[in-house]
Amino acid sequence: MNIGPEANDRAMVVASSFVRFLAQACPAWDLGFFRFALSEAGPAASASCVTGTEVAVLDHPGAFEVLVERSKALFDAIGRTRGVVLFVLGASGNCEIRFDLEDLERWKLDAGTGVPRGL
């Protein structure tokens, strides 16, 4: 999905906020996943990090409030009121952002592995 400059800026704000969160919550992280879904029922967010061979599901209400607000601003910038965005961040600096504006079940974090389903 191609997004405009404003949405791109907002996506980078979410990504950089998530990197700061990862640095505190999972200091030795190699790979981080942040999933945000917006639907008629409201927003939902989840995150996990990979360190070596282990994956941890992360939860920190204060940090998630910031990530949720910034993700909602991203959806405002793309003019959508529903959809899913998945941020896949590498400690080496790579960042992949995936959108699905139809399937609200896409990329849910697997409770057993912490890795988004369908990756």
PDB file of N, CA and C in Angstrom:
ATOM      1  N   MET A   1       0.842  -1.172   0.000  1.00  0.00           N
ATOM      2  CA  MET A   1       0.000   0.000   0.000  1.00  0.00           C
ATOM      3  C   MET A   1       0.891   1.241   0.000  1.00  0.00           C
ATOM      4  N   ASN A   2       0.656   2.114  -0.925  1.00  0.00           N
ATOM      5  CA  ASN A   2       1.372   3.384  -0.947  1.00  0.00           C
ATOM      6  C   ASN A   2       0.640   4.382  -0.076  1.00  0.00           C
ATOM      7  N   ILE A   3       1.391   5.057   0.784  1.00  0.00           N
ATOM      8  CA  ILE A   3       0.788   6.067   1.641  1.00  0.00           C
ATOM      9  C   ILE A   3       1.467   7.389   1.374  1.00  0.00           C
ATOM     10  N   GLY A   4       0.764   8.469   1.655  1.00  0.00           N
ATOM     11  CA  GLY A   4       1.304   9.793   1.398  1.00  0.00           C
ATOM     12  C   GLY A   4       2.350  10.204   2.420  1.00  0.00           C
ATOM     13  N   PRO A   5       2.953  11.381   2.200  1.00  0.00           N
ATOM     14  CA  PRO A   5       4.026  11.852   3.080  1.00  0.00           C
ATOM     15  C   PRO A   5       3.605  12.007   4.544  1.00  0.00           C
ATOM     16  N   GLU A   6       2.404  12.539   4.782  1.00  0.00           N
ATOM     17  CA  GLU A   6       1.954  12.716   6.172  1.00  0.00           C
ATOM     18  C   GLU A   6       1.809  11.368   6.863  1.00  0.00           C
ATOM     19  N   ALA A   7       1.186  10.406   6.173  1.00  0.00           N
ATOM     20  CA  ALA A   7       1.022   9.071   6.757  1.00  0.00           C
ATOM     21  C   ALA A   7       2.376   8.400   6.951  1.00  0.00           C
ATOM     22  N   ASN A   8       3.282   8.607   6.005  1.00  0.00           N
ATOM     23  CA  ASN A   8       4.627   8.043   6.143  1.00  0.00           C
ATOM     24  C   ASN A   8       5.316   8.603   7.395  1.00  0.00           C
ATOM     25  N   ASP A   9       5.184   9.909   7.605  1.00  0.00           N
ATOM     26  CA  ASP A   9       5.767  10.525   8.802  1.00  0.00           C
ATOM     27  C   ASP A   9       5.164   9.934  10.066  1.00  0.00           C
ATOM     28  N   ARG A  10       3.857   9.751  10.059  1.00  0.00           N
ATOM     29  CA  ARG A  10       3.191   9.184  11.243  1.00  0.00           C
ATOM     30  C   ARG A  10       3.603   7.730  11.469  1.00  0.00           C
ATOM     31  N   ALA A  11       3.789   6.986  10.389  1.00  0.00           N
ATOM     32  CA  ALA A  11       4.253   5.597  10.517  1.00  0.00           C
ATOM     33  C   ALA A  11       5.649   5.556  11.128  1.00  0.00           C
ATOM     34  N   MET A  12       6.501   6.490  10.725  1.00  0.00           N
ATOM     35  CA  MET A  12       7.854   6.531  11.286  1.00  0.00           C
ATOM     36  C   MET A  12       7.831   6.916  12.766  1.00  0.00           C
ATOM     37  N   VAL A  13       6.864   7.746  13.162  1.00  0.00           N
ATOM     38  CA  VAL A  13       6.714   8.098  14.582  1.00  0.00           C
ATOM     39  C   VAL A  13       6.319   6.857  15.377  1.00  0.00           C
ATOM     40  N   VAL A  14       5.397   6.059  14.839  1.00  0.00           N
ATOM     41  CA  VAL A  14       5.012   4.811  15.518  1.00  0.00           C
ATOM     42  C   VAL A  14       6.216   3.884  15.614  1.00  0.00           C
ATOM     43  N   ALA A  15       6.925   3.719  14.511  1.00  0.00           N
ATOM     44  CA  ALA A  15       8.085   2.817  14.494  1.00  0.00           C
ATOM     45  C   ALA A  15       9.144   3.266  15.496  1.00  0.00           C
ATOM     46  N   SER A  16       9.463   4.537  15.524  1.00  0.00           N
ATOM     47  CA  SER A  16      10.497   5.008  16.457  1.00  0.00           C
ATOM     48  C   SER A  16      10.026   4.901  17.899  1.00  0.00           C
ATOM     49  N   SER A  17       8.736   5.120  18.148  1.00  0.00           N
ATOM     50  CA  SER A  17       8.192   4.934  19.505  1.00  0.00           C
ATOM     51  C   SER A  17       8.293   3.477  19.927  1.00  0.00           C
ATOM     52  N   PHE A  18       8.046   2.573  18.991  1.00  0.00           N
ATOM     53  CA  PHE A  18       8.142   1.153  19.297  1.00  0.00           C
ATOM     54  C   PHE A  18       9.589   0.749  19.564  1.00  0.00           C
ATOM     55  N   VAL A  19      10.533   1.312  18.818  1.00  0.00           N
ATOM     56  CA  VAL A  19      11.953   1.020  19.061  1.00  0.00           C
ATOM     57  C   VAL A  19      12.335   1.445  20.474  1.00  0.00           C
ATOM     58  N   ARG A  20      11.886   2.629  20.894  1.00  0.00           N
ATOM     59  CA  ARG A  20      12.188   3.085  22.258  1.00  0.00           C
ATOM     60  C   ARG A  20      11.557   2.151  23.284  1.00  0.00           C
ATOM     61  N   PHE A  21      10.331   1.716  23.024  1.00  0.00           N
ATOM     62  CA  PHE A  21       9.661   0.769  23.909  1.00  0.00           C
ATOM     63  C   PHE A  21      10.444  -0.545  23.995  1.00  0.00           C
ATOM     64  N   LEU A  22      10.871  -1.062  22.842  1.00  0.00           N
ATOM     65  CA  LEU A  22      11.638  -2.304  22.814  1.00  0.00           C
ATOM     66  C   LEU A  22      12.942  -2.178  23.594  1.00  0.00           C
ATOM     67  N   ALA A  23      13.611  -1.044  23.462  1.00  0.00           N
ATOM     68  CA  ALA A  23      14.881  -0.843  24.157  1.00  0.00           C
ATOM     69  C   ALA A  23      14.713  -0.951  25.667  1.00  0.00           C
ATOM     70  N   GLN A  24      13.566  -0.547  26.174  1.00  0.00           N
ATOM     71  CA  GLN A  24      13.309  -0.633  27.616  1.00  0.00           C
ATOM     72  C   GLN A  24      12.748  -1.988  28.014  1.00  0.00           C
ATOM     73  N   ALA A  25      11.797  -2.490  27.239  1.00  0.00           N
ATOM     74  CA  ALA A  25      11.084  -3.722  27.618  1.00  0.00           C
ATOM     75  C   ALA A  25      11.860  -4.984  27.306  1.00  0.00           C
ATOM     76  N   CYS A  26      12.726  -4.921  26.304  1.00  0.00           N
ATOM     77  CA  CYS A  26      13.421  -6.117  25.815  1.00  0.00           C
ATOM     78  C   CYS A  26      14.805  -5.690  25.305  1.00  0.00           C
ATOM     79  N   PRO A  27      15.714  -5.298  26.214  1.00  0.00           N
ATOM     80  CA  PRO A  27      16.970  -4.668  25.796  1.00  0.00           C
ATOM     81  C   PRO A  27      17.813  -5.446  24.788  1.00  0.00           C
ATOM     82  N   ALA A  28      17.757  -6.753  24.781  1.00  0.00           N
ATOM     83  CA  ALA A  28      18.590  -7.548  23.859  1.00  0.00           C
ATOM     84  C   ALA A  28      17.823  -7.969  22.609  1.00  0.00           C
ATOM     85  N   TRP A  29      16.804  -7.221  22.224  1.00  0.00           N
ATOM     86  CA  TRP A  29      15.929  -7.613  21.118  1.00  0.00           C
ATOM     87  C   TRP A  29      16.668  -7.664  19.789  1.00  0.00           C
ATOM     88  N   ASP A  30      16.270  -8.647  18.989  1.00  0.00           N
ATOM     89  CA  ASP A  30      16.765  -8.780  17.620  1.00  0.00           C
ATOM     90  C   ASP A  30      15.697  -8.374  16.611  1.00  0.00           C
ATOM     91  N   LEU A  31      14.442  -8.695  16.951  1.00  0.00           N
ATOM     92  CA  LEU A  31      13.308  -8.463  16.059  1.00  0.00           C
ATOM     93  C   LEU A  31      12.106  -8.106  16.915  1.00  0.00           C
ATOM     94  N   GLY A  32      11.351  -7.106  16.491  1.00  0.00           N
ATOM     95  CA  GLY A  32      10.156  -6.701  17.228  1.00  0.00           C
ATOM     96  C   GLY A  32       8.951  -6.649  16.324  1.00  0.00           C
ATOM     97  N   PHE A  33       7.803  -7.032  16.869  1.00  0.00           N
ATOM     98  CA  PHE A  33       6.535  -6.994  16.141  1.00  0.00           C
ATOM     99  C   PHE A  33       5.561  -6.125  16.920  1.00  0.00           C
ATOM    100  N   PHE A  34       4.943  -5.164  16.237  1.00  0.00           N
ATOM    101  CA  PHE A  34       3.871  -4.371  16.841  1.00  0.00           C
ATOM    102  C   PHE A  34       2.684  -4.419  15.896  1.00  0.00           C
ATOM    103  N   ARG A  35       1.552  -4.885  16.406  1.00  0.00           N
ATOM    104  CA  ARG A  35       0.334  -5.010  15.621  1.00  0.00           C
ATOM    105  C   ARG A  35      -0.720  -4.090  16.201  1.00  0.00           C
ATOM    106  N   PHE A  36      -1.331  -3.293  15.334  1.00  0.00           N
ATOM    107  CA  PHE A  36      -2.411  -2.396  15.733  1.00  0.00           C
ATOM    108  C   PHE A  36      -3.602  -2.651  14.830  1.00  0.00           C
ATOM    109  N   ALA A  37      -4.756  -2.851  15.429  1.00  0.00           N
ATOM    110  CA  ALA A  37      -5.995  -3.048  14.664  1.00  0.00           C
ATOM    111  C   ALA A  37      -7.012  -2.002  15.118  1.00  0.00           C
ATOM    112  N   LEU A  38      -7.725  -1.461  14.166  1.00  0.00           N
ATOM    113  CA  LEU A  38      -8.763  -0.485  14.443  1.00  0.00           C
ATOM    114  C   LEU A  38     -10.053  -0.975  13.809  1.00  0.00           C
ATOM    115  N   SER A  39     -11.100  -1.067  14.627  1.00  0.00           N
ATOM    116  CA  SER A  39     -12.401  -1.519  14.128  1.00  0.00           C
ATOM    117  C   SER A  39     -13.498  -0.705  14.794  1.00  0.00           C
ATOM    118  N   GLU A  40     -14.728  -1.049  14.460  1.00  0.00           N
ATOM    119  CA  GLU A  40     -15.871  -0.382  15.060  1.00  0.00           C
ATOM    120  C   GLU A  40     -15.876  -0.578  16.575  1.00  0.00           C
ATOM    121  N   ALA A  41     -15.299  -1.664  17.048  1.00  0.00           N
ATOM    122  CA  ALA A  41     -15.238  -1.963  18.482  1.00  0.00           C
ATOM    123  C   ALA A  41     -14.140  -1.169  19.189  1.00  0.00           C
ATOM    124  N   GLY A  42     -13.273  -0.515  18.425  1.00  0.00           N
ATOM    125  CA  GLY A  42     -12.194   0.268  19.015  1.00  0.00           C
ATOM    126  C   GLY A  42     -10.833  -0.269  18.633  1.00  0.00           C
ATOM    127  N   PRO A  43      -9.778   0.297  19.223  1.00  0.00           N
ATOM    128  CA  PRO A  43      -8.420  -0.117  18.891  1.00  0.00           C
ATOM    129  C   PRO A  43      -7.964  -1.326  19.703  1.00  0.00           C
ATOM    130  N   ALA A  44      -7.033  -2.083  19.129  1.00  0.00           N
ATOM    131  CA  ALA A  44      -6.396  -3.197  19.830  1.00  0.00           C
ATOM    132  C   ALA A  44      -4.934  -3.219  19.417  1.00  0.00           C
ATOM    133  N   ALA A  45      -4.055  -3.468  20.382  1.00  0.00           N
ATOM    134  CA  ALA A  45      -2.627  -3.493  20.091  1.00  0.00           C
ATOM    135  C   ALA A  45      -1.973  -4.666  20.797  1.00  0.00           C
ATOM    136  N   SER A  46      -0.924  -5.196  20.156  1.00  0.00           N
ATOM    137  CA  SER A  46      -0.136  -6.265  20.758  1.00  0.00           C
ATOM    138  C   SER A  46       1.285  -6.153  20.238  1.00  0.00           C
ATOM    139  N   ALA A  47       2.220  -6.705  21.014  1.00  0.00           N
ATOM    140  CA  ALA A  47       3.628  -6.614  20.623  1.00  0.00           C
ATOM    141  C   ALA A  47       4.390  -7.814  21.164  1.00  0.00           C
ATOM    142  N   SER A  48       5.476  -8.123  20.467  1.00  0.00           N
ATOM    143  CA  SER A  48       6.371  -9.174  20.936  1.00  0.00           C
ATOM    144  C   SER A  48       7.777  -8.859  20.448  1.00  0.00           C
ATOM    145  N   CYS A  49       8.748  -9.527  21.063  1.00  0.00           N
ATOM    146  CA  CYS A  49      10.125  -9.352  20.628  1.00  0.00           C
ATOM    147  C   CYS A  49      10.830 -10.694  20.604  1.00  0.00           C
ATOM    148  N   VAL A  50      11.787 -10.791  19.688  1.00  0.00           N
ATOM    149  CA  VAL A  50      12.612 -11.985  19.551  1.00  0.00           C
ATOM    150  C   VAL A  50      14.001 -11.628  20.066  1.00  0.00           C
ATOM    151  N   THR A  51      14.506 -12.471  20.959  1.00  0.00           N
ATOM    152  CA  THR A  51      15.886 -12.343  21.436  1.00  0.00           C
ATOM    153  C   THR A  51      16.531 -13.709  21.275  1.00  0.00           C
ATOM    154  N   GLY A  52      17.447 -13.803  20.348  1.00  0.00           N
ATOM    155  CA  GLY A  52      18.070 -15.100  20.076  1.00  0.00           C
ATOM    156  C   GLY A  52      17.033 -16.084  19.587  1.00  0.00           C
ATOM    157  N   THR A  53      16.793 -17.129  20.363  1.00  0.00           N
ATOM    158  CA  THR A  53      15.811 -18.149  19.986  1.00  0.00           C
ATOM    159  C   THR A  53      14.518 -18.034  20.784  1.00  0.00           C
ATOM    160  N   GLU A  54      14.403 -17.002  21.626  1.00  0.00           N
ATOM    161  CA  GLU A  54      13.207 -16.838  22.455  1.00  0.00           C
ATOM    162  C   GLU A  54      12.347 -15.700  21.945  1.00  0.00           C
ATOM    163  N   VAL A  55      11.034 -15.864  22.114  1.00  0.00           N
ATOM    164  CA  VAL A  55      10.083 -14.824  21.757  1.00  0.00           C
ATOM    165  C   VAL A  55       9.270 -14.498  22.997  1.00  0.00           C
ATOM    166  N   ALA A  56       9.127 -13.218  23.299  1.00  0.00           N
ATOM    167  CA  ALA A  56       8.354 -12.789  24.460  1.00  0.00           C
ATOM    168  C   ALA A  56       7.227 -11.877  24.006  1.00  0.00           C
ATOM    169  N   VAL A  57       6.021 -12.137  24.498  1.00  0.00           N
ATOM    170  CA  VAL A  57       4.894 -11.238  24.272  1.00  0.00           C
ATOM    171  C   VAL A  57       5.047 -10.104  25.281  1.00  0.00           C
ATOM    172  N   LEU A  58       4.927  -8.885  24.808  1.00  0.00           N
ATOM    173  CA  LEU A  58       5.172  -7.712  25.633  1.00  0.00           C
ATOM    174  C   LEU A  58       3.878  -7.008  25.983  1.00  0.00           C
ATOM    175  N   ASP A  59       3.841  -6.454  27.179  1.00  0.00           N
ATOM    176  CA  ASP A  59       2.677  -5.679  27.582  1.00  0.00           C
ATOM    177  C   ASP A  59       3.131  -4.619  28.573  1.00  0.00           C
ATOM    178  N   HIS A  60       2.856  -3.400  28.267  1.00  0.00           N
ATOM    179  CA  HIS A  60       3.142  -2.294  29.162  1.00  0.00           C
ATOM    180  C   HIS A  60       2.090  -1.233  28.881  1.00  0.00           C
ATOM    181  N   PRO A  61       1.054  -1.168  29.740  1.00  0.00           N
ATOM    182  CA  PRO A  61      -0.076  -0.284  29.454  1.00  0.00           C
ATOM    183  C   PRO A  61       0.305   1.159  29.123  1.00  0.00           C
ATOM    184  N   GLY A  62       1.223   1.757  29.846  1.00  0.00           N
ATOM    185  CA  GLY A  62       1.593   3.141  29.577  1.00  0.00           C
ATOM    186  C   GLY A  62       2.176   3.326  28.196  1.00  0.00           C
ATOM    187  N   ALA A  63       3.096   2.460  27.817  1.00  0.00           N
ATOM    188  CA  ALA A  63       3.711   2.547  26.496  1.00  0.00           C
ATOM    189  C   ALA A  63       2.700   2.230  25.407  1.00  0.00           C
ATOM    190  N   PHE A  64       1.825   1.285  25.666  1.00  0.00           N
ATOM    191  CA  PHE A  64       0.830   0.930  24.660  1.00  0.00           C
ATOM    192  C   PHE A  64      -0.139   2.080  24.420  1.00  0.00           C
ATOM    193  N   GLU A  65      -0.442   2.866  25.444  1.00  0.00           N
ATOM    194  CA  GLU A  65      -1.325   4.017  25.244  1.00  0.00           C
ATOM    195  C   GLU A  65      -0.721   4.969  24.211  1.00  0.00           C
ATOM    196  N   VAL A  66       0.568   5.230  24.318  1.00  0.00           N
ATOM    197  CA  VAL A  66       1.254   6.105  23.367  1.00  0.00           C
ATOM    198  C   VAL A  66       1.243   5.482  21.978  1.00  0.00           C
ATOM    199  N   LEU A  67       1.578   4.197  21.882  1.00  0.00           N
ATOM    200  CA  LEU A  67       1.590   3.518  20.585  1.00  0.00           C
ATOM    201  C   LEU A  67       0.202   3.491  19.950  1.00  0.00           C
ATOM    202  N   VAL A  68      -0.824   3.269  20.752  1.00  0.00           N
ATOM    203  CA  VAL A  68      -2.202   3.250  20.231  1.00  0.00           C
ATOM    204  C   VAL A  68      -2.587   4.629  19.705  1.00  0.00           C
ATOM    205  N   GLU A  69      -2.306   5.678  20.468  1.00  0.00           N
ATOM    206  CA  GLU A  69      -2.658   7.029  20.023  1.00  0.00           C
ATOM    207  C   GLU A  69      -1.930   7.390  18.728  1.00  0.00           C
ATOM    208  N   ARG A  70      -0.668   7.029  18.633  1.00  0.00           N
ATOM    209  CA  ARG A  70       0.098   7.344  17.427  1.00  0.00           C
ATOM    210  C   ARG A  70      -0.355   6.492  16.250  1.00  0.00           C
ATOM    211  N   SER A  71      -0.788   5.274  16.519  1.00  0.00           N
ATOM    212  CA  SER A  71      -1.310   4.413  15.445  1.00  0.00           C
ATOM    213  C   SER A  71      -2.664   4.916  14.962  1.00  0.00           C
ATOM    214  N   LYS A  72      -3.490   5.398  15.875  1.00  0.00           N
ATOM    215  CA  LYS A  72      -4.774   5.984  15.458  1.00  0.00           C
ATOM    216  C   LYS A  72      -4.528   7.201  14.577  1.00  0.00           C
ATOM    217  N   ALA A  73      -3.515   7.995  14.899  1.00  0.00           N
ATOM    218  CA  ALA A  73      -3.170   9.155  14.069  1.00  0.00           C
ATOM    219  C   ALA A  73      -2.709   8.712  12.681  1.00  0.00           C
ATOM    220  N   LEU A  74      -2.024   7.575  12.611  1.00  0.00           N
ATOM    221  CA  LEU A  74      -1.627   7.018  11.311  1.00  0.00           C
ATOM    222  C   LEU A  74      -2.865   6.675  10.486  1.00  0.00           C
ATOM    223  N   PHE A  75      -3.846   6.022  11.102  1.00  0.00           N
ATOM    224  CA  PHE A  75      -5.072   5.685  10.378  1.00  0.00           C
ATOM    225  C   PHE A  75      -5.831   6.935   9.966  1.00  0.00           C
ATOM    226  N   ASP A  76      -5.816   7.966  10.795  1.00  0.00           N
ATOM    227  CA  ASP A  76      -6.424   9.239  10.403  1.00  0.00           C
ATOM    228  C   ASP A  76      -5.738   9.796   9.159  1.00  0.00           C
ATOM    229  N   ALA A  77      -4.418   9.690   9.131  1.00  0.00           N
ATOM    230  CA  ALA A  77      -3.645  10.233   8.003  1.00  0.00           C
ATOM    231  C   ALA A  77      -3.921   9.486   6.704  1.00  0.00           C
ATOM    232  N   ILE A  78      -4.258   8.186   6.791  1.00  0.00           N
ATOM    233  CA  ILE A  78      -4.580   7.452   5.556  1.00  0.00           C
ATOM    234  C   ILE A  78      -6.087   7.465   5.279  1.00  0.00           C
ATOM    235  N   GLY A  79      -6.839   8.145   6.145  1.00  0.00           N
ATOM    236  CA  GLY A  79      -8.272   8.297   5.928  1.00  0.00           C
ATOM    237  C   GLY A  79      -9.071   7.022   6.123  1.00  0.00           C
ATOM    238  N   ARG A  80      -8.649   6.180   7.042  1.00  0.00           N
ATOM    239  CA  ARG A  80      -9.331   4.904   7.289  1.00  0.00           C
ATOM    240  C   ARG A  80      -9.792   4.809   8.736  1.00  0.00           C
ATOM    241  N   THR A  81     -10.925   4.150   8.925  1.00  0.00           N
ATOM    242  CA  THR A  81     -11.466   3.963  10.274  1.00  0.00           C
ATOM    243  C   THR A  81     -11.401   2.514  10.718  1.00  0.00           C
ATOM    244  N   ARG A  82     -10.861   1.662   9.848  1.00  0.00           N
ATOM    245  CA  ARG A  82     -10.681   0.259  10.219  1.00  0.00           C
ATOM    246  C   ARG A  82      -9.535  -0.334   9.414  1.00  0.00           C
ATOM    247  N   GLY A  83      -8.904  -1.341  10.022  1.00  0.00           N
ATOM    248  CA  GLY A  83      -7.799  -2.014   9.351  1.00  0.00           C
ATOM    249  C   GLY A  83      -6.769  -2.482  10.358  1.00  0.00           C
ATOM    250  N   VAL A  84      -5.716  -3.076   9.832  1.00  0.00           N
ATOM    251  CA  VAL A  84      -4.623  -3.604  10.646  1.00  0.00           C
ATOM    252  C   VAL A  84      -3.310  -3.113  10.059  1.00  0.00           C
ATOM    253  N   VAL A  85      -2.386  -2.767  10.934  1.00  0.00           N
ATOM    254  CA  VAL A  85      -1.029  -2.449  10.509  1.00  0.00           C
ATOM    255  C   VAL A  85      -0.083  -3.278  11.370  1.00  0.00           C
ATOM    256  N   LEU A  86       0.930  -3.834  10.737  1.00  0.00           N
ATOM    257  CA  LEU A  86       1.942  -4.616  11.428  1.00  0.00           C
ATOM    258  C   LEU A  86       3.303  -3.996  11.156  1.00  0.00           C
ATOM    259  N   PHE A  87       4.008  -3.679  12.232  1.00  0.00           N
ATOM    260  CA  PHE A  87       5.372  -3.178  12.149  1.00  0.00           C
ATOM    261  C   PHE A  87       6.300  -4.333  12.498  1.00  0.00           C
ATOM    262  N   VAL A  88       7.250  -4.599  11.618  1.00  0.00           N
ATOM    263  CA  VAL A  88       8.272  -5.619  11.853  1.00  0.00           C
ATOM    264  C   VAL A  88       9.601  -4.863  11.854  1.00  0.00           C
ATOM    265  N   LEU A  89      10.228  -4.777  13.030  1.00  0.00           N
ATOM    266  CA  LEU A  89      11.437  -3.982  13.187  1.00  0.00           C
ATOM    267  C   LEU A  89      12.613  -4.863  13.548  1.00  0.00           C
ATOM    268  N   GLY A  90      13.724  -4.628  12.902  1.00  0.00           N
ATOM    269  CA  GLY A  90      14.957  -5.338  13.212  1.00  0.00           C
ATOM    270  C   GLY A  90      15.907  -4.447  13.983  1.00  0.00           C
ATOM    271  N   ALA A  91      16.664  -5.029  14.888  1.00  0.00           N
ATOM    272  CA  ALA A  91      17.619  -4.258  15.678  1.00  0.00           C
ATOM    273  C   ALA A  91      18.678  -3.614  14.793  1.00  0.00           C
ATOM    274  N   SER A  92      18.875  -4.149  13.596  1.00  0.00           N
ATOM    275  CA  SER A  92      19.858  -3.580  12.670  1.00  0.00           C
ATOM    276  C   SER A  92      19.343  -2.316  11.982  1.00  0.00           C
ATOM    277  N   GLY A  93      18.074  -1.949  12.237  1.00  0.00           N
ATOM    278  CA  GLY A  93      17.523  -0.723  11.670  1.00  0.00           C
ATOM    279  C   GLY A  93      16.513  -0.924  10.565  1.00  0.00           C
ATOM    280  N   ASN A  94      16.311  -2.176  10.128  1.00  0.00           N
ATOM    281  CA  ASN A  94      15.318  -2.384   9.070  1.00  0.00           C
ATOM    282  C   ASN A  94      13.905  -2.316   9.657  1.00  0.00           C
ATOM    283  N   CYS A  95      12.991  -1.817   8.828  1.00  0.00           N
ATOM    284  CA  CYS A  95      11.604  -1.637   9.250  1.00  0.00           C
ATOM    285  C   CYS A  95      10.688  -2.010   8.091  1.00  0.00           C
ATOM    286  N   GLU A  96       9.746  -2.901   8.377  1.00  0.00           N
ATOM    287  CA  GLU A  96       8.737  -3.271   7.384  1.00  0.00           C
ATOM    288  C   GLU A  96       7.376  -2.934   7.974  1.00  0.00           C
ATOM    289  N   ILE A  97       6.543  -2.284   7.175  1.00  0.00           N
ATOM    290  CA  ILE A  97       5.206  -1.913   7.619  1.00  0.00           C
ATOM    291  C   ILE A  97       4.212  -2.526   6.646  1.00  0.00           C
ATOM    292  N   ARG A  98       3.304  -3.333   7.189  1.00  0.00           N
ATOM    293  CA  ARG A  98       2.293  -4.007   6.357  1.00  0.00           C
ATOM    294  C   ARG A  98       0.904  -3.539   6.780  1.00  0.00           C
ATOM    295  N   PHE A  99       0.065  -3.285   5.791  1.00  0.00           N
ATOM    296  CA  PHE A  99      -1.320  -2.893   6.042  1.00  0.00           C
ATOM    297  C   PHE A  99      -2.259  -3.949   5.481  1.00  0.00           C
ATOM    298  N   ASP A 100      -3.361  -4.170   6.173  1.00  0.00           N
ATOM    299  CA  ASP A 100      -4.496  -4.911   5.631  1.00  0.00           C
ATOM    300  C   ASP A 100      -5.735  -4.157   6.095  1.00  0.00           C
ATOM    301  N   LEU A 101      -6.454  -3.588   5.157  1.00  0.00           N
ATOM    302  CA  LEU A 101      -7.611  -2.759   5.488  1.00  0.00           C
ATOM    303  C   LEU A 101      -8.922  -3.536   5.457  1.00  0.00           C
ATOM    304  N   GLU A 102      -8.851  -4.833   5.190  1.00  0.00           N
ATOM    305  CA  GLU A 102     -10.054  -5.664   5.105  1.00  0.00           C
ATOM    306  C   GLU A 102     -10.118  -6.726   6.202  1.00  0.00           C
ATOM    307  N   ASP A 103      -9.053  -7.492   6.365  1.00  0.00           N
ATOM    308  CA  ASP A 103      -9.040  -8.646   7.273  1.00  0.00           C
ATOM    309  C   ASP A 103      -8.530  -8.228   8.653  1.00  0.00           C
ATOM    310  N   LEU A 104      -9.455  -7.974   9.568  1.00  0.00           N
ATOM    311  CA  LEU A 104      -9.090  -7.518  10.907  1.00  0.00           C
ATOM    312  C   LEU A 104      -8.468  -8.616  11.767  1.00  0.00           C
ATOM    313  N   GLU A 105      -8.447  -9.834  11.280  1.00  0.00           N
ATOM    314  CA  GLU A 105      -7.822 -10.945  12.005  1.00  0.00           C
ATOM    315  C   GLU A 105      -6.373 -11.161  11.573  1.00  0.00           C
ATOM    316  N   ARG A 106      -5.936 -10.463  10.576  1.00  0.00           N
ATOM    317  CA  ARG A 106      -4.613 -10.665   9.982  1.00  0.00           C
ATOM    318  C   ARG A 106      -3.496 -10.371  10.976  1.00  0.00           C
ATOM    319  N   TRP A 107      -2.498 -11.209  10.983  1.00  0.00           N
ATOM    320  CA  TRP A 107      -1.254 -11.051  11.736  1.00  0.00           C
ATOM    321  C   TRP A 107      -1.422 -11.020  13.251  1.00  0.00           C
ATOM    322  N   LYS A 108      -2.488 -11.629  13.768  1.00  0.00           N
ATOM    323  CA  LYS A 108      -2.614 -11.679  15.222  1.00  0.00           C
ATOM    324  C   LYS A 108      -1.418 -12.428  15.798  1.00  0.00           C
ATOM    325  N   LEU A 109      -0.942 -11.980  16.957  1.00  0.00           N
ATOM    326  CA  LEU A 109       0.186 -12.651  17.593  1.00  0.00           C
ATOM    327  C   LEU A 109      -0.270 -14.006  18.104  1.00  0.00           C
ATOM    328  N   ASP A 110       0.450 -15.030  17.731  1.00  0.00           N
ATOM    329  CA  ASP A 110       0.164 -16.380  18.190  1.00  0.00           C
ATOM    330  C   ASP A 110       0.506 -16.466  19.673  1.00  0.00           C
ATOM    331  N   ALA A 111      -0.465 -16.873  20.482  1.00  0.00           N
ATOM    332  CA  ALA A 111      -0.250 -16.945  21.924  1.00  0.00           C
ATOM    333  C   ALA A 111       0.873 -17.900  22.312  1.00  0.00           C
ATOM    334  N   GLY A 112       1.085 -18.918  21.524  1.00  0.00           N
ATOM    335  CA  GLY A 112       2.117 -19.895  21.836  1.00  0.00           C
ATOM    336  C   GLY A 112       3.515 -19.463  21.438  1.00  0.00           C
ATOM    337  N   THR A 113       3.623 -18.773  20.308  1.00  0.00           N
ATOM    338  CA  THR A 113       4.961 -18.406  19.802  1.00  0.00           C
ATOM    339  C   THR A 113       5.281 -16.924  19.921  1.00  0.00           C
ATOM    340  N   GLY A 114       4.273 -16.061  19.993  1.00  0.00           N
ATOM    341  CA  GLY A 114       4.503 -14.630  20.019  1.00  0.00           C
ATOM    342  C   GLY A 114       4.763 -14.026  18.655  1.00  0.00           C
ATOM    343  N   VAL A 115       4.825 -14.855  17.628  1.00  0.00           N
ATOM    344  CA  VAL A 115       5.078 -14.392  16.269  1.00  0.00           C
ATOM    345  C   VAL A 115       3.734 -14.194  15.562  1.00  0.00           C
ATOM    346  N   PRO A 116       3.583 -13.123  14.787  1.00  0.00           N
ATOM    347  CA  PRO A 116       2.326 -12.916  14.081  1.00  0.00           C
ATOM    348  C   PRO A 116       1.996 -14.082  13.147  1.00  0.00           C
ATOM    349  N   ARG A 117       0.735 -14.514  13.188  1.00  0.00           N
ATOM    350  CA  ARG A 117       0.292 -15.582  12.298  1.00  0.00           C
ATOM    351  C   ARG A 117       0.316 -15.090  10.858  1.00  0.00           C
ATOM    352  N   GLY A 118       0.743 -15.960   9.957  1.00  0.00           N
ATOM    353  CA  GLY A 118       0.723 -15.638   8.542  1.00  0.00           C
ATOM    354  C   GLY A 118       1.980 -14.954   8.022  1.00  0.00           C
ATOM    355  N   LEU A 119       2.992 -14.819   8.854  1.00  0.00           N
ATOM    356  CA  LEU A 119       4.236 -14.221   8.361  1.00  0.00           C
ATOM    357  C   LEU A 119       5.107 -15.268   7.721  1.00  0.00           C
TER     358      LEU A 119
END
